[in-house]
Amino acid sequence: MSTYDEIYKIVYQIPQGRVATYGQVADLAQLYGKARLVGYALYRVDTVSYHVCLNTYTVA
């Protein structure tokens, strides 16, 4: 499984109404310190609902 596939698998598991940071998703994918990679992976694909993930600058 590719790195992006692992990221997408984790994002799909985020329940409706909940959010996770890019860093949290990176940690769950064992990509410690690679939050930017998560953001890039989610930016590149239209089939994943990346609104459930927040970057560090998002004010919720």
C-alpha atoms as a PDB file:
ATOM      1  CA  MET A   1       0.000   0.000   0.000  1.00  0.00           C
ATOM      2  CA  SER A   2       1.352   3.411  -0.912  1.00  0.00           C
ATOM      3  CA  THR A   3       1.841   6.248   1.547  1.00  0.00           C
ATOM      4  CA  TYR A   4      -1.071   8.166   0.031  1.00  0.00           C
ATOM      5  CA  ASP A   5      -3.346   5.126   0.285  1.00  0.00           C
ATOM      6  CA  GLU A   6      -2.523   4.862   3.972  1.00  0.00           C
ATOM      7  CA  ILE A   7      -3.373   8.544   4.468  1.00  0.00           C
ATOM      8  CA  TYR A   8      -6.688   8.179   2.610  1.00  0.00           C
ATOM      9  CA  LYS A   9      -7.591   5.087   4.649  1.00  0.00           C
ATOM     10  CA  ILE A  10      -7.115   7.016   7.876  1.00  0.00           C
ATOM     11  CA  VAL A  11      -9.046  10.079   6.678  1.00  0.00           C
ATOM     12  CA  TYR A  12     -12.002   7.892   5.647  1.00  0.00           C
ATOM     13  CA  GLN A  13     -12.169   6.635   9.243  1.00  0.00           C
ATOM     14  CA  ILE A  14     -12.730  10.103  10.728  1.00  0.00           C
ATOM     15  CA  PRO A  15     -16.369  10.129  11.901  1.00  0.00           C
ATOM     16  CA  GLN A  16     -18.817  12.693  10.578  1.00  0.00           C
ATOM     17  CA  GLY A  17     -18.776  15.826  12.717  1.00  0.00           C
ATOM     18  CA  ARG A  18     -15.228  15.198  13.951  1.00  0.00           C
ATOM     19  CA  VAL A  19     -11.936  16.648  12.755  1.00  0.00           C
ATOM     20  CA  ALA A  20      -8.252  15.745  12.875  1.00  0.00           C
ATOM     21  CA  THR A  21      -5.146  17.753  12.190  1.00  0.00           C
ATOM     22  CA  TYR A  22      -2.745  16.905   9.402  1.00  0.00           C
ATOM     23  CA  GLY A  23      -0.224  16.069  12.119  1.00  0.00           C
ATOM     24  CA  GLN A  24      -2.590  13.618  13.814  1.00  0.00           C
ATOM     25  CA  VAL A  25      -3.229  11.857  10.511  1.00  0.00           C
ATOM     26  CA  ALA A  26       0.517  11.739   9.817  1.00  0.00           C
ATOM     27  CA  ASP A  27       1.171  10.212  13.230  1.00  0.00           C
ATOM     28  CA  LEU A  28      -1.530   7.568  12.724  1.00  0.00           C
ATOM     29  CA  ALA A  29       0.033   6.708   9.354  1.00  0.00           C
ATOM     30  CA  GLN A  30       3.420   6.427  11.099  1.00  0.00           C
ATOM     31  CA  LEU A  31       4.700   9.407   9.118  1.00  0.00           C
ATOM     32  CA  TYR A  32       5.897  11.333  12.143  1.00  0.00           C
ATOM     33  CA  GLY A  33       6.647  14.990  11.400  1.00  0.00           C
ATOM     34  CA  LYS A  34       5.210  14.860   7.879  1.00  0.00           C
ATOM     35  CA  ALA A  35       1.981  16.832   8.252  1.00  0.00           C
ATOM     36  CA  ARG A  36       2.719  18.707   5.019  1.00  0.00           C
ATOM     37  CA  LEU A  37       2.734  15.421   3.132  1.00  0.00           C
ATOM     38  CA  VAL A  38      -0.785  14.732   4.430  1.00  0.00           C
ATOM     39  CA  GLY A  39      -1.949  18.150   3.281  1.00  0.00           C
ATOM     40  CA  TYR A  40      -0.426  17.612  -0.148  1.00  0.00           C
ATOM     41  CA  ALA A  41      -1.937  14.132  -0.466  1.00  0.00           C
ATOM     42  CA  LEU A  42      -5.402  15.457   0.369  1.00  0.00           C
ATOM     43  CA  TYR A  43      -5.032  18.422  -1.976  1.00  0.00           C
ATOM     44  CA  ARG A  44      -4.213  16.169  -4.929  1.00  0.00           C
ATOM     45  CA  VAL A  45      -7.349  13.996  -4.877  1.00  0.00           C
ATOM     46  CA  ASP A  46     -11.028  14.907  -5.231  1.00  0.00           C
ATOM     47  CA  THR A  47     -12.507  11.678  -3.859  1.00  0.00           C
ATOM     48  CA  VAL A  48     -11.393  12.268  -0.273  1.00  0.00           C
ATOM     49  CA  SER A  49     -13.311  14.752   1.816  1.00  0.00           C
ATOM     50  CA  TYR A  50     -10.393  16.621   3.322  1.00  0.00           C
ATOM     51  CA  HIS A  51     -12.537  19.204   5.104  1.00  0.00           C
ATOM     52  CA  VAL A  52     -12.357  16.904   8.127  1.00  0.00           C
ATOM     53  CA  CYS A  53      -8.650  17.714   8.484  1.00  0.00           C
ATOM     54  CA  LEU A  54      -7.243  20.971   9.783  1.00  0.00           C
ATOM     55  CA  ASN A  55      -3.864  22.493   9.180  1.00  0.00           C
ATOM     56  CA  THR A  56      -2.113  24.218  12.067  1.00  0.00           C
ATOM     57  CA  TYR A  57      -3.350  27.647  10.992  1.00  0.00           C
ATOM     58  CA  THR A  58      -7.070  26.822  10.924  1.00  0.00           C
ATOM     59  CA  VAL A  59      -9.176  28.448  13.625  1.00  0.00           C
ATOM     60  CA  ALA A  60     -12.050  26.178  14.588  1.00  0.00           C
END
